[in-house]
Amino acid sequence: MGDGPEHAEVANKSVTKAVRLLRELAAQPRTGATVTTLAKAARLSRPTAFRLLYSLEQDGLVDRVDTNYVLGWELARLGRRADPYAGLVTRAQPLLQELADTFNESVTLSVPNGQDGLDLVAEAAGSHVVGVLSRNMVGQHYPMYASSTGKVLLAEQPVDKLRTMLPDELEAFTPYTITDRTTLLKELEQVREQDFAIIDNELEHELLSLSRPIRDSAGTLVAILTLNGPRSRFGRAQIPEALQQMQSTVDQLAELFWRDSITG
């Protein structure tokens, strides 16, 4: 995907459209969706969507419950055998390194793990990253409300769910950690509106961190890009430029993984 015109010429358009349908189906509630709903979401004609869904159903990649389609048992079986991150990391790594080199700081890529949390799956670092930010962060977990990555994920949740998930008073990691749930909910609303999150001294002393969401063709959050740096080098004056560069990286990642399938 995304490797040049010669690859686009040999790509099977029916397979591309079927994959698009699967992605749109994954964005639907667990109760599934009708052919008409999926066709509209995938920008396909209803007869084309029906034909593809019928073929997918024959091999267990989708199931039909009354008039709704849901993801199938065979797709779930195959998914359990797949490495969930290997292909994503391999393709994303050059873009992460490019962003890290631009600011000479550290960059991470995290993905939602299905348990209301995140897995940090890839990282890159500029040449002068030292100290706390230089250690290998892959596989580590951080408090969601005190990290910019976590704030992006929390902002995806309904407010009622957040009130259930979060206690009234949150643990402080520095004097600047947001510990009041109501204050945090207001910030998460801002994160939703601006489509990025910031922490400044909230998790570790002098750590400034920015995060942007990465979404698939159905608009579902699939990963989060984060840029970290010590405030002595990476200060608030650099935030506008950093957010602009990060959005460029997000757009390139979306192009690499999903957007070419939209036009197929």
C-alpha atoms as a PDB file:
ATOM      1  CA  MET A   1       0.000   0.000   0.000  1.00  0.00           C
ATOM      2  CA  GLY A   2       1.177   3.447  -0.828  1.00  0.00           C
ATOM      3  CA  ASP A   3       4.383   2.206  -2.498  1.00  0.00           C
ATOM      4  CA  GLY A   4       3.955   3.856  -5.881  1.00  0.00           C
ATOM      5  CA  PRO A   5       1.923   3.823  -9.103  1.00  0.00           C
ATOM      6  CA  GLU A   6       3.128   0.382 -10.123  1.00  0.00           C
ATOM      7  CA  HIS A   7       1.616  -1.122  -6.968  1.00  0.00           C
ATOM      8  CA  ALA A   8      -1.655   0.728  -7.515  1.00  0.00           C
ATOM      9  CA  GLU A   9      -1.916  -0.843 -10.988  1.00  0.00           C
ATOM     10  CA  VAL A  10      -1.800  -4.408  -9.653  1.00  0.00           C
ATOM     11  CA  ALA A  11      -4.053  -3.799  -6.633  1.00  0.00           C
ATOM     12  CA  ASN A  12      -7.368  -5.644  -6.863  1.00  0.00           C
ATOM     13  CA  LYS A  13     -10.126  -3.045  -6.559  1.00  0.00           C
ATOM     14  CA  SER A  14     -12.704  -5.529  -5.326  1.00  0.00           C
ATOM     15  CA  VAL A  15     -10.431  -6.560  -2.464  1.00  0.00           C
ATOM     16  CA  THR A  16      -9.775  -2.906  -1.658  1.00  0.00           C
ATOM     17  CA  LYS A  17     -13.509  -2.194  -1.527  1.00  0.00           C
ATOM     18  CA  ALA A  18     -14.131  -5.260   0.630  1.00  0.00           C
ATOM     19  CA  VAL A  19     -11.467  -4.120   3.093  1.00  0.00           C
ATOM     20  CA  ARG A  20     -13.099  -0.697   3.148  1.00  0.00           C
ATOM     21  CA  LEU A  21     -16.399  -2.347   4.070  1.00  0.00           C
ATOM     22  CA  LEU A  22     -14.737  -4.296   6.886  1.00  0.00           C
ATOM     23  CA  ARG A  23     -13.251  -1.093   8.288  1.00  0.00           C
ATOM     24  CA  GLU A  24     -16.598   0.652   8.173  1.00  0.00           C
ATOM     25  CA  LEU A  25     -18.261  -2.365   9.798  1.00  0.00           C
ATOM     26  CA  ALA A  26     -15.683  -2.260  12.599  1.00  0.00           C
ATOM     27  CA  ALA A  27     -16.703   1.346  13.278  1.00  0.00           C
ATOM     28  CA  GLN A  28     -20.346   0.351  13.785  1.00  0.00           C
ATOM     29  CA  PRO A  29     -21.934  -0.748  17.083  1.00  0.00           C
ATOM     30  CA  ARG A  30     -21.560  -4.433  18.004  1.00  0.00           C
ATOM     31  CA  THR A  31     -25.123  -4.959  16.820  1.00  0.00           C
ATOM     32  CA  GLY A  32     -23.840  -4.312  13.285  1.00  0.00           C
ATOM     33  CA  ALA A  33     -25.295  -2.368  10.384  1.00  0.00           C
ATOM     34  CA  THR A  34     -27.426  -2.880   7.312  1.00  0.00           C
ATOM     35  CA  VAL A  35     -26.179  -3.082   3.744  1.00  0.00           C
ATOM     36  CA  THR A  36     -27.573   0.379   3.068  1.00  0.00           C
ATOM     37  CA  THR A  37     -25.733   1.912   6.030  1.00  0.00           C
ATOM     38  CA  LEU A  38     -22.441   0.241   5.127  1.00  0.00           C
ATOM     39  CA  ALA A  39     -22.714   1.117   1.447  1.00  0.00           C
ATOM     40  CA  LYS A  40     -23.224   4.771   2.287  1.00  0.00           C
ATOM     41  CA  ALA A  41     -20.358   4.817   4.800  1.00  0.00           C
ATOM     42  CA  ALA A  42     -17.968   3.128   2.349  1.00  0.00           C
ATOM     43  CA  ARG A  43     -19.188   5.235  -0.581  1.00  0.00           C
ATOM     44  CA  LEU A  44     -20.196   2.189  -2.598  1.00  0.00           C
ATOM     45  CA  SER A  45     -23.380   1.378  -4.468  1.00  0.00           C
ATOM     46  CA  ARG A  46     -25.779  -0.844  -2.568  1.00  0.00           C
ATOM     47  CA  PRO A  47     -25.532  -3.731  -5.109  1.00  0.00           C
ATOM     48  CA  THR A  48     -21.726  -3.634  -4.912  1.00  0.00           C
ATOM     49  CA  ALA A  49     -21.783  -3.600  -1.109  1.00  0.00           C
ATOM     50  CA  PHE A  50     -24.289  -6.465  -1.013  1.00  0.00           C
ATOM     51  CA  ARG A  51     -22.211  -8.593  -3.411  1.00  0.00           C
ATOM     52  CA  LEU A  52     -19.024  -8.029  -1.415  1.00  0.00           C
ATOM     53  CA  LEU A  53     -20.701  -8.665   1.937  1.00  0.00           C
ATOM     54  CA  TYR A  54     -22.241 -11.878   0.589  1.00  0.00           C
ATOM     55  CA  SER A  55     -18.787 -13.077  -0.500  1.00  0.00           C
ATOM     56  CA  LEU A  56     -17.265 -12.153   2.850  1.00  0.00           C
ATOM     57  CA  GLU A  57     -20.091 -13.954   4.630  1.00  0.00           C
ATOM     58  CA  GLN A  58     -19.408 -17.196   2.750  1.00  0.00           C
ATOM     59  CA  ASP A  59     -15.908 -17.300   4.233  1.00  0.00           C
ATOM     60  CA  GLY A  60     -16.905 -16.241   7.742  1.00  0.00           C
ATOM     61  CA  LEU A  61     -15.320 -12.794   7.554  1.00  0.00           C
ATOM     62  CA  VAL A  62     -18.716 -11.238   8.264  1.00  0.00           C
ATOM     63  CA  ASP A  63     -21.870 -12.725   9.760  1.00  0.00           C
ATOM     64  CA  ARG A  64     -25.471 -11.681   9.214  1.00  0.00           C
ATOM     65  CA  VAL A  65     -27.891 -11.310  12.117  1.00  0.00           C
ATOM     66  CA  ASP A  66     -31.367 -10.634  10.732  1.00  0.00           C
ATOM     67  CA  THR A  67     -30.783  -7.627   8.437  1.00  0.00           C
ATOM     68  CA  ASN A  68     -27.548  -6.492  10.088  1.00  0.00           C
ATOM     69  CA  TYR A  69     -23.990  -7.506   9.288  1.00  0.00           C
ATOM     70  CA  VAL A  70     -21.343  -7.944  12.001  1.00  0.00           C
ATOM     71  CA  LEU A  71     -17.675  -8.879  11.903  1.00  0.00           C
ATOM     72  CA  GLY A  72     -17.354 -12.640  11.505  1.00  0.00           C
ATOM     73  CA  TRP A  73     -15.962 -15.522  13.505  1.00  0.00           C
ATOM     74  CA  GLU A  74     -13.259 -16.312  10.957  1.00  0.00           C
ATOM     75  CA  LEU A  75     -12.011 -12.735  11.017  1.00  0.00           C
ATOM     76  CA  ALA A  76     -11.731 -12.993  14.804  1.00  0.00           C
ATOM     77  CA  ARG A  77      -9.825 -16.290  14.522  1.00  0.00           C
ATOM     78  CA  LEU A  78      -7.359 -14.857  12.024  1.00  0.00           C
ATOM     79  CA  GLY A  79      -6.950 -11.715  14.113  1.00  0.00           C
ATOM     80  CA  ARG A  80      -5.860 -13.744  17.138  1.00  0.00           C
ATOM     81  CA  ARG A  81      -2.996 -15.211  15.104  1.00  0.00           C
ATOM     82  CA  ALA A  82      -1.746 -11.868  13.786  1.00  0.00           C
ATOM     83  CA  ASP A  83       0.957  -9.721  15.370  1.00  0.00           C
ATOM     84  CA  PRO A  84      -1.121  -6.627  16.091  1.00  0.00           C
ATOM     85  CA  TYR A  85       1.686  -4.103  15.696  1.00  0.00           C
ATOM     86  CA  ALA A  86       4.521  -5.462  13.533  1.00  0.00           C
ATOM     87  CA  GLY A  87       3.349  -4.088  10.189  1.00  0.00           C
ATOM     88  CA  LEU A  88       2.239  -0.788  11.701  1.00  0.00           C
ATOM     89  CA  VAL A  89       5.574  -0.220  13.432  1.00  0.00           C
ATOM     90  CA  THR A  90       7.657  -1.158  10.390  1.00  0.00           C
ATOM     91  CA  ARG A  91       5.854   1.313   8.151  1.00  0.00           C
ATOM     92  CA  ALA A  92       5.586   4.074  10.721  1.00  0.00           C
ATOM     93  CA  GLN A  93       9.180   3.993  11.995  1.00  0.00           C
ATOM     94  CA  PRO A  94      10.772   6.146   9.230  1.00  0.00           C
ATOM     95  CA  LEU A  95       8.145   8.857   9.728  1.00  0.00           C
ATOM     96  CA  LEU A  96       8.606   8.765  13.512  1.00  0.00           C
ATOM     97  CA  GLN A  97      12.364   9.102  13.084  1.00  0.00           C
ATOM     98  CA  GLU A  98      11.956  12.006  10.670  1.00  0.00           C
ATOM     99  CA  LEU A  99       9.827  13.901  13.202  1.00  0.00           C
ATOM    100  CA  ALA A 100      12.263  13.073  16.022  1.00  0.00           C
ATOM    101  CA  ASP A 101      15.177  14.340  13.949  1.00  0.00           C
ATOM    102  CA  THR A 102      13.326  17.558  13.056  1.00  0.00           C
ATOM    103  CA  PHE A 103      13.018  18.547  16.727  1.00  0.00           C
ATOM    104  CA  ASN A 104      15.890  16.425  18.065  1.00  0.00           C
ATOM    105  CA  GLU A 105      13.539  15.064  20.724  1.00  0.00           C
ATOM    106  CA  SER A 106      11.680  11.805  21.356  1.00  0.00           C
ATOM    107  CA  VAL A 107       8.589  10.596  19.480  1.00  0.00           C
ATOM    108  CA  THR A 108       6.278   7.719  20.373  1.00  0.00           C
ATOM    109  CA  LEU A 109       3.398   5.869  18.734  1.00  0.00           C
ATOM    110  CA  SER A 110       0.669   4.349  20.923  1.00  0.00           C
ATOM    111  CA  VAL A 111      -2.440   2.331  20.056  1.00  0.00           C
ATOM    112  CA  PRO A 112      -5.659   1.676  22.008  1.00  0.00           C
ATOM    113  CA  ASN A 113      -5.554  -1.823  23.487  1.00  0.00           C
ATOM    114  CA  GLY A 114      -9.263  -2.573  23.843  1.00  0.00           C
ATOM    115  CA  GLN A 115      -9.226  -2.382  27.655  1.00  0.00           C
ATOM    116  CA  ASP A 116      -9.653   1.403  27.835  1.00  0.00           C
ATOM    117  CA  GLY A 117      -5.881   1.734  27.806  1.00  0.00           C
ATOM    118  CA  LEU A 118      -2.952   2.252  25.466  1.00  0.00           C
ATOM    119  CA  ASP A 119       0.050   0.232  24.317  1.00  0.00           C
ATOM    120  CA  LEU A 120       3.181   2.204  23.453  1.00  0.00           C
ATOM    121  CA  VAL A 121       4.444   0.249  20.436  1.00  0.00           C
ATOM    122  CA  ALA A 122       7.142   2.356  18.741  1.00  0.00           C
ATOM    123  CA  GLU A 123       9.531   5.192  19.475  1.00  0.00           C
ATOM    124  CA  ALA A 124      12.232   7.287  17.855  1.00  0.00           C
ATOM    125  CA  ALA A 125      14.722   9.747  19.295  1.00  0.00           C
ATOM    126  CA  GLY A 126      16.858  12.621  18.108  1.00  0.00           C
ATOM    127  CA  SER A 127      20.607  12.536  18.551  1.00  0.00           C
ATOM    128  CA  HIS A 128      20.760  14.600  21.728  1.00  0.00           C
ATOM    129  CA  VAL A 129      17.951  12.964  23.713  1.00  0.00           C
ATOM    130  CA  VAL A 130      19.463  12.113  27.085  1.00  0.00           C
ATOM    131  CA  GLY A 131      18.407  11.216  30.589  1.00  0.00           C
ATOM    132  CA  VAL A 132      14.843  10.273  31.424  1.00  0.00           C
ATOM    133  CA  LEU A 133      13.620  10.606  27.859  1.00  0.00           C
ATOM    134  CA  SER A 134      16.325   8.373  26.388  1.00  0.00           C
ATOM    135  CA  ARG A 135      15.226   5.128  28.020  1.00  0.00           C
ATOM    136  CA  ASN A 136      13.274   2.566  26.022  1.00  0.00           C
ATOM    137  CA  MET A 137       9.617   3.429  26.575  1.00  0.00           C
ATOM    138  CA  VAL A 138       8.018   0.683  24.433  1.00  0.00           C
ATOM    139  CA  GLY A 139       5.687  -1.415  26.543  1.00  0.00           C
ATOM    140  CA  GLN A 140       5.562   1.050  29.430  1.00  0.00           C
ATOM    141  CA  HIS A 141       2.282   2.433  30.749  1.00  0.00           C
ATOM    142  CA  TYR A 142       1.519   5.868  32.145  1.00  0.00           C
ATOM    143  CA  PRO A 143      -1.458   7.354  34.010  1.00  0.00           C
ATOM    144  CA  MET A 144      -3.906   8.401  31.322  1.00  0.00           C
ATOM    145  CA  TYR A 145      -5.014  11.670  32.878  1.00  0.00           C
ATOM    146  CA  ALA A 146      -1.410  12.854  33.387  1.00  0.00           C
ATOM    147  CA  SER A 147      -0.116  12.099  29.881  1.00  0.00           C
ATOM    148  CA  SER A 148      -0.926  13.834  26.617  1.00  0.00           C
ATOM    149  CA  THR A 149      -1.374  10.437  24.936  1.00  0.00           C
ATOM    150  CA  GLY A 150      -3.861   9.360  27.577  1.00  0.00           C
ATOM    151  CA  LYS A 151      -5.782  12.618  27.346  1.00  0.00           C
ATOM    152  CA  VAL A 152      -6.363  12.015  23.628  1.00  0.00           C
ATOM    153  CA  LEU A 153      -7.817   8.586  24.381  1.00  0.00           C
ATOM    154  CA  LEU A 154      -9.900   9.825  27.303  1.00  0.00           C
ATOM    155  CA  ALA A 155     -11.314  12.601  25.118  1.00  0.00           C
ATOM    156  CA  GLU A 156     -12.819   9.902  22.868  1.00  0.00           C
ATOM    157  CA  GLN A 157     -14.996   8.619  25.700  1.00  0.00           C
ATOM    158  CA  PRO A 158     -18.515   9.855  26.548  1.00  0.00           C
ATOM    159  CA  VAL A 159     -18.620  12.178  29.558  1.00  0.00           C
ATOM    160  CA  ASP A 160     -20.870   9.778  31.498  1.00  0.00           C
ATOM    161  CA  LYS A 161     -18.322   6.995  31.072  1.00  0.00           C
ATOM    162  CA  LEU A 162     -15.491   9.296  32.167  1.00  0.00           C
ATOM    163  CA  ARG A 163     -17.379  10.181  35.351  1.00  0.00           C
ATOM    164  CA  THR A 164     -17.593   6.463  36.102  1.00  0.00           C
ATOM    165  CA  MET A 165     -13.960   5.763  35.196  1.00  0.00           C
ATOM    166  CA  LEU A 166     -12.336   8.658  37.050  1.00  0.00           C
ATOM    167  CA  PRO A 167     -12.457   9.284  40.812  1.00  0.00           C
ATOM    168  CA  ASP A 168     -13.327  12.744  42.135  1.00  0.00           C
ATOM    169  CA  GLU A 169      -9.720  13.253  43.233  1.00  0.00           C
ATOM    170  CA  LEU A 170      -6.807  12.017  41.117  1.00  0.00           C
ATOM    171  CA  GLU A 171      -3.279  11.200  42.234  1.00  0.00           C
ATOM    172  CA  ALA A 172      -0.743  14.014  41.835  1.00  0.00           C
ATOM    173  CA  PHE A 173       2.629  13.234  40.233  1.00  0.00           C
ATOM    174  CA  THR A 174       3.863  16.835  40.309  1.00  0.00           C
ATOM    175  CA  PRO A 175       2.396  20.064  41.719  1.00  0.00           C
ATOM    176  CA  TYR A 176       0.969  20.700  38.227  1.00  0.00           C
ATOM    177  CA  THR A 177      -0.940  17.429  37.784  1.00  0.00           C
ATOM    178  CA  ILE A 178      -4.676  17.953  37.273  1.00  0.00           C
ATOM    179  CA  THR A 179      -6.187  16.205  40.284  1.00  0.00           C
ATOM    180  CA  ASP A 180      -9.768  17.476  40.138  1.00  0.00           C
ATOM    181  CA  ARG A 181     -12.092  15.421  37.924  1.00  0.00           C
ATOM    182  CA  THR A 182     -14.257  18.388  36.924  1.00  0.00           C
ATOM    183  CA  THR A 183     -11.198  20.364  35.815  1.00  0.00           C
ATOM    184  CA  LEU A 184      -9.934  17.372  33.844  1.00  0.00           C
ATOM    185  CA  LEU A 185     -13.299  16.915  32.104  1.00  0.00           C
ATOM    186  CA  LYS A 186     -13.161  20.552  30.947  1.00  0.00           C
ATOM    187  CA  GLU A 187      -9.688  20.009  29.540  1.00  0.00           C
ATOM    188  CA  LEU A 188     -10.785  16.834  27.746  1.00  0.00           C
ATOM    189  CA  GLU A 189     -13.589  18.812  26.127  1.00  0.00           C
ATOM    190  CA  GLN A 190     -10.957  21.223  24.837  1.00  0.00           C
ATOM    191  CA  VAL A 191      -8.875  18.298  23.560  1.00  0.00           C
ATOM    192  CA  ARG A 192     -11.885  17.109  21.557  1.00  0.00           C
ATOM    193  CA  GLU A 193     -12.380  20.543  20.047  1.00  0.00           C
ATOM    194  CA  GLN A 194      -8.745  21.238  19.146  1.00  0.00           C
ATOM    195  CA  ASP A 195      -7.789  17.632  18.239  1.00  0.00           C
ATOM    196  CA  PHE A 196      -4.570  17.571  20.254  1.00  0.00           C
ATOM    197  CA  ALA A 197      -3.480  17.300  23.885  1.00  0.00           C
ATOM    198  CA  ILE A 198      -0.691  18.853  25.954  1.00  0.00           C
ATOM    199  CA  ILE A 199       0.934  18.133  29.295  1.00  0.00           C
ATOM    200  CA  ASP A 200       3.351  20.610  30.823  1.00  0.00           C
ATOM    201  CA  ASN A 201       5.075  19.473  34.028  1.00  0.00           C
ATOM    202  CA  GLU A 202       2.069  17.260  34.866  1.00  0.00           C
ATOM    203  CA  LEU A 203       3.724  13.816  34.793  1.00  0.00           C
ATOM    204  CA  GLU A 204       7.407  14.553  35.323  1.00  0.00           C
ATOM    205  CA  HIS A 205       9.208  17.734  36.279  1.00  0.00           C
ATOM    206  CA  GLU A 206      10.105  19.796  33.181  1.00  0.00           C
ATOM    207  CA  LEU A 207       8.480  17.370  30.720  1.00  0.00           C
ATOM    208  CA  LEU A 208       6.474  18.934  27.883  1.00  0.00           C
ATOM    209  CA  SER A 209       4.497  16.515  25.721  1.00  0.00           C
ATOM    210  CA  LEU A 210       2.166  16.949  22.729  1.00  0.00           C
ATOM    211  CA  SER A 211      -0.130  14.299  21.223  1.00  0.00           C
ATOM    212  CA  ARG A 212      -2.268  14.099  18.096  1.00  0.00           C
ATOM    213  CA  PRO A 213      -4.791  11.374  17.166  1.00  0.00           C
ATOM    214  CA  ILE A 214      -4.402   9.209  14.068  1.00  0.00           C
ATOM    215  CA  ARG A 215      -7.696   8.000  12.588  1.00  0.00           C
ATOM    216  CA  ASP A 216      -8.580   5.444   9.940  1.00  0.00           C
ATOM    217  CA  SER A 217     -10.807   6.066   6.927  1.00  0.00           C
ATOM    218  CA  ALA A 218     -13.908   5.576   9.099  1.00  0.00           C
ATOM    219  CA  GLY A 219     -12.761   8.232  11.571  1.00  0.00           C
ATOM    220  CA  THR A 220     -11.957   5.714  14.302  1.00  0.00           C
ATOM    221  CA  LEU A 221      -9.006   6.456  16.583  1.00  0.00           C
ATOM    222  CA  VAL A 222      -6.362   3.835  15.811  1.00  0.00           C
ATOM    223  CA  ALA A 223      -3.120   5.371  17.110  1.00  0.00           C
ATOM    224  CA  ILE A 224      -1.700   8.436  18.839  1.00  0.00           C
ATOM    225  CA  LEU A 225       1.452  10.312  17.861  1.00  0.00           C
ATOM    226  CA  THR A 226       3.359  11.987  20.703  1.00  0.00           C
ATOM    227  CA  LEU A 227       6.333  14.362  20.789  1.00  0.00           C
ATOM    228  CA  ASN A 228       8.190  14.717  24.112  1.00  0.00           C
ATOM    229  CA  GLY A 229      10.943  17.028  25.266  1.00  0.00           C
ATOM    230  CA  PRO A 230      12.401  18.773  28.340  1.00  0.00           C
ATOM    231  CA  ARG A 231      11.235  22.368  28.682  1.00  0.00           C
ATOM    232  CA  SER A 232      14.869  23.525  28.733  1.00  0.00           C
ATOM    233  CA  ARG A 233      15.050  22.635  25.014  1.00  0.00           C
ATOM    234  CA  PHE A 234      11.436  22.144  23.972  1.00  0.00           C
ATOM    235  CA  GLY A 235       9.478  25.073  25.339  1.00  0.00           C
ATOM    236  CA  ARG A 236       5.949  26.372  24.868  1.00  0.00           C
ATOM    237  CA  ALA A 237       7.101  28.777  22.153  1.00  0.00           C
ATOM    238  CA  GLN A 238       7.734  25.750  19.930  1.00  0.00           C
ATOM    239  CA  ILE A 239       4.262  24.272  20.365  1.00  0.00           C
ATOM    240  CA  PRO A 240       2.644  25.838  17.234  1.00  0.00           C
ATOM    241  CA  GLU A 241       5.432  24.629  14.930  1.00  0.00           C
ATOM    242  CA  ALA A 242       5.499  21.217  16.603  1.00  0.00           C
ATOM    243  CA  LEU A 243       1.744  20.732  16.218  1.00  0.00           C
ATOM    244  CA  GLN A 244       1.974  21.687  12.542  1.00  0.00           C
ATOM    245  CA  GLN A 245       4.807  19.238  11.901  1.00  0.00           C
ATOM    246  CA  MET A 246       2.992  16.530  13.848  1.00  0.00           C
ATOM    247  CA  GLN A 247      -0.141  17.014  11.756  1.00  0.00           C
ATOM    248  CA  SER A 248       1.968  16.545   8.633  1.00  0.00           C
ATOM    249  CA  THR A 249       3.265  13.257  10.075  1.00  0.00           C
ATOM    250  CA  VAL A 250      -0.275  12.194  11.010  1.00  0.00           C
ATOM    251  CA  ASP A 251      -1.441  12.937   7.465  1.00  0.00           C
ATOM    252  CA  GLN A 252       1.422  10.906   6.000  1.00  0.00           C
ATOM    253  CA  LEU A 253       0.636   7.964   8.267  1.00  0.00           C
ATOM    254  CA  ALA A 254      -3.037   8.120   7.292  1.00  0.00           C
ATOM    255  CA  GLU A 255      -2.032   8.241   3.623  1.00  0.00           C
ATOM    256  CA  LEU A 256       0.286   5.295   4.094  1.00  0.00           C
ATOM    257  CA  PHE A 257      -2.249   3.060   5.818  1.00  0.00           C
ATOM    258  CA  TRP A 258      -5.752   4.073   4.813  1.00  0.00           C
ATOM    259  CA  ARG A 259      -6.316   6.907   2.393  1.00  0.00           C
ATOM    260  CA  ASP A 260      -5.120   5.063  -0.687  1.00  0.00           C
ATOM    261  CA  SER A 261      -7.784   2.431   0.013  1.00  0.00           C
ATOM    262  CA  ILE A 262     -10.470   5.138  -0.046  1.00  0.00           C
ATOM    263  CA  THR A 263      -9.648   6.106  -3.606  1.00  0.00           C
ATOM    264  CA  GLY A 264      -9.259   2.532  -4.832  1.00  0.00           C
END
